[in-house]
Amino acid sequence: MTTTAPFELTSSAWQVIKSVAPPSEIEEIIYIIGRSLVEQVIELRQEAENLLEIWRDFRQEIGNLSVKNKVGFLPEPPELRNRLKQEIVMLVDILRQKDKT
């Protein structure tokens, strides 16, 4: 598994505006930009945070599975694979014989 740098969301334009604007002017800025647009930006940010959390959980789960598979997993013995092939060939032969009768 390749190691990638952790992904972090950047600040949205609304977060930057809100952080630099005086609190007394926030309502006026919302009115100028449009309340629905600001709400959409907030909702999209929340959705992006949720997706990022899902992605991180998924990456962690895959990493845990990868470690488990490497530690406790032994390769199958070659004779087991050969035996399985022989049994499949035998089954196919039996089915062919039954098909002829």
Foldseek 3Di string as FASTA:
>chain_A
DDDDDQDDDDDDPLRVCVVPDDPVCNVVVCVVVDVVVVVVVVVVVVVVVVVSVVVVVVVVVVVVVVVVCVPPPDDDDPVVVVVVVVVVVVVVVVVVVVVVD
